[in-house]
Amino acid sequence: MEIKINASIKKLGQKSIDIITAAAEAVGLERVVVTSTQRPPRAQAEVMLVNIEENRNIRYKAPGEAVKDVARKLRGEHKSREEILDAMVAKIKELNAMKPAKRVSNHCVDDEEYERLNVIDISFWDMPESKRIPFLSQMVARKEVVKT
């Protein structure tokens, strides 16, 4: 069974690998594609800015909307892309530093937190349709898997 990671950061803990492998093998999947893992603040800001630039209205909870507001304001002031990204990263770090943290994305965590809890997205589009629900059922049946 192959786990293919199509993410900029190819980091997956052994426990996550074991859980995914067990679920895949239980339903006869030969390959699972992970599309997102940990995302540092800069990468998160870049993804969000591209979505804004391409007029994709991705909805976020309040912390994400606050970061988008920073980008929209600075775009309106005709700031450079780099200045906008720097300001977005600063806002993400400010939100992450709050107690409790106000996450822009569950993926946007530091290395220490990611080591404790891997946050991953798995592509169902890369699975045969008949295997999607059985695989999901196997995953959610595990007490170690947090569903969001």
Protein backbone atom coordinates (compact mmCIF):
# COMPACT_ATOMS: atom_id res chain seq x y z
CA MET A 1 0.00 0.00 0.00
CA GLU A 2 1.38 3.40 -1.02
CA ILE A 3 0.81 6.72 0.70
CA LYS A 4 1.52 9.50 -1.77
CA ILE A 5 1.96 12.98 -0.29
CA ASN A 6 1.05 15.78 -2.71
CA ALA A 7 1.77 18.55 -0.24
CA SER A 8 4.56 21.11 0.00
CA ILE A 9 5.60 19.66 3.37
CA LYS A 10 5.91 15.92 3.15
CA LYS A 11 5.72 15.26 6.87
CA LEU A 12 3.59 12.47 8.28
CA GLY A 13 4.10 10.83 11.65
CA GLN A 14 4.47 7.05 11.92
CA LYS A 15 1.21 6.76 13.87
CA SER A 16 -0.65 8.53 11.03
CA ILE A 17 1.02 6.28 8.48
CA ASP A 18 -0.03 3.21 10.47
CA ILE A 19 -3.65 4.38 10.81
CA ILE A 20 -3.97 5.26 7.11
CA THR A 21 -2.32 2.01 6.07
CA ALA A 22 -4.61 -0.10 8.27
CA ALA A 23 -7.75 1.64 6.98
CA ALA A 24 -6.60 1.34 3.35
CA GLU A 25 -5.67 -2.32 3.67
CA ALA A 26 -8.99 -3.10 5.38
CA VAL A 27 -10.90 -1.90 2.30
CA GLY A 28 -8.42 -3.05 -0.34
CA LEU A 29 -6.99 0.32 -1.35
CA GLU A 30 -3.60 0.25 -3.04
CA ARG A 31 -2.90 3.97 -2.73
CA VAL A 32 -3.96 6.92 -0.56
CA VAL A 33 -3.15 10.49 -1.59
CA VAL A 34 -2.52 13.05 1.16
CA THR A 35 -3.10 16.54 -0.24
CA SER A 36 -2.23 18.70 2.74
CA THR A 37 -0.17 18.38 5.89
CA GLN A 38 1.44 21.07 8.02
CA ARG A 39 1.33 24.57 6.58
CA PRO A 40 3.66 27.26 7.98
CA PRO A 41 2.28 30.80 8.31
CA ARG A 42 3.97 31.99 5.09
CA ALA A 43 2.51 29.13 3.05
CA GLN A 44 -0.92 29.73 4.61
CA ALA A 45 -0.74 33.43 3.71
CA GLU A 46 0.29 32.60 0.13
CA VAL A 47 -2.63 30.20 -0.33
CA MET A 48 -5.06 32.74 1.05
CA LEU A 49 -3.69 35.59 -1.08
CA VAL A 50 -3.83 33.54 -4.28
CA ASN A 51 -7.47 32.77 -3.52
CA ILE A 52 -8.17 36.49 -3.07
CA GLU A 53 -6.27 37.40 -6.25
CA GLU A 54 -8.24 34.79 -8.20
CA ASN A 55 -11.56 35.97 -6.73
CA ARG A 56 -12.16 32.66 -4.97
CA ASN A 57 -14.26 33.43 -1.94
CA ILE A 58 -13.05 30.78 0.47
CA ARG A 59 -14.87 31.18 3.76
CA TYR A 60 -12.92 30.97 6.98
CA LYS A 61 -13.82 31.27 10.63
CA ALA A 62 -13.18 34.66 12.25
CA PRO A 63 -9.36 34.35 12.48
CA GLY A 64 -9.05 33.55 8.77
CA GLU A 65 -11.41 36.36 7.86
CA ALA A 66 -9.24 38.73 9.93
CA VAL A 67 -6.20 37.71 7.85
CA LYS A 68 -8.17 38.19 4.62
CA ASP A 69 -9.20 41.66 5.86
CA VAL A 70 -5.51 42.59 6.22
CA ALA A 71 -4.87 41.48 2.64
CA ARG A 72 -7.90 43.31 1.23
CA LYS A 73 -6.99 46.52 3.05
CA LEU A 74 -3.40 46.51 1.80
CA ARG A 75 -4.44 45.57 -1.74
CA GLY A 76 -6.74 48.58 -1.66
CA GLU A 77 -3.74 50.69 -0.65
CA HIS A 78 -1.80 49.25 -3.63
CA LYS A 79 0.91 47.74 -1.44
CA SER A 80 3.32 45.28 -2.99
CA ARG A 81 2.54 41.58 -2.90
CA GLU A 82 5.49 41.05 -0.55
CA GLU A 83 4.24 43.73 1.86
CA ILE A 84 0.80 42.16 1.85
CA LEU A 85 2.19 38.67 2.52
CA ASP A 86 4.42 39.99 5.32
CA ALA A 87 1.42 41.65 6.98
CA MET A 88 -0.70 38.51 6.58
CA VAL A 89 2.05 36.36 8.13
CA ALA A 90 2.33 38.81 11.04
CA LYS A 91 -1.44 38.59 11.62
CA ILE A 92 -1.38 34.77 11.46
CA LYS A 93 1.45 34.66 14.01
CA GLU A 94 -0.39 37.13 16.25
CA LEU A 95 -3.51 34.95 16.17
CA ASN A 96 -1.53 31.72 16.75
CA ALA A 97 0.18 33.30 19.78
CA MET A 98 -3.13 34.04 21.54
CA LYS A 99 -4.16 31.84 24.45
CA PRO A 100 -6.06 29.88 23.41
CA ALA A 101 -4.69 30.06 19.88
CA LYS A 102 -6.98 31.42 17.19
CA ARG A 103 -6.10 29.22 14.22
CA VAL A 104 -6.53 30.45 10.66
CA SER A 105 -6.36 26.81 9.57
CA ASN A 106 -5.97 23.56 11.48
CA HIS A 107 -2.94 22.93 9.24
CA CYS A 108 -1.19 26.15 10.31
CA VAL A 109 0.70 24.97 13.40
CA ASP A 110 4.29 24.99 14.57
CA ASP A 111 6.51 21.90 14.43
CA GLU A 112 6.00 21.00 18.09
CA GLU A 113 2.21 20.96 17.79
CA TYR A 114 2.32 19.10 14.48
CA GLU A 115 4.49 16.39 16.05
CA ARG A 116 1.78 15.94 18.70
CA LEU A 117 -1.17 16.00 16.29
CA ASN A 118 -0.80 15.49 12.52
CA VAL A 119 -3.39 17.44 10.55
CA ILE A 120 -3.88 15.97 7.10
CA ASP A 121 -6.28 16.08 4.18
CA ILE A 122 -6.83 12.91 2.16
CA SER A 123 -8.15 13.05 -1.40
CA PHE A 124 -11.21 10.92 -1.98
CA TRP A 125 -11.12 11.85 -5.68
CA ASP A 126 -8.03 9.69 -6.07
CA MET A 127 -9.88 6.63 -4.73
CA PRO A 128 -12.28 4.36 -6.54
CA GLU A 129 -15.76 5.58 -5.68
CA SER A 130 -16.72 2.22 -4.16
CA LYS A 131 -13.85 2.51 -1.63
CA ARG A 132 -14.46 6.08 -0.39
CA ILE A 133 -17.17 5.49 2.22
CA PRO A 134 -15.65 2.22 3.51
CA PHE A 135 -12.25 3.95 3.88
CA LEU A 136 -13.83 6.92 5.68
CA SER A 137 -15.71 4.55 7.98
CA GLN A 138 -12.46 2.77 8.84
CA MET A 139 -10.77 6.11 9.61
CA VAL A 140 -13.51 7.60 11.78
CA ALA A 141 -13.87 4.36 13.75
CA ARG A 142 -10.38 5.00 15.18
CA LYS A 143 -10.43 6.84 18.51
CA GLU A 144 -7.10 8.49 17.62
CA VAL A 145 -8.60 10.21 14.59
CA VAL A 146 -10.07 13.63 15.21
CA LYS A 147 -12.75 14.51 12.68
CA THR A 148 -13.21 18.11 11.57
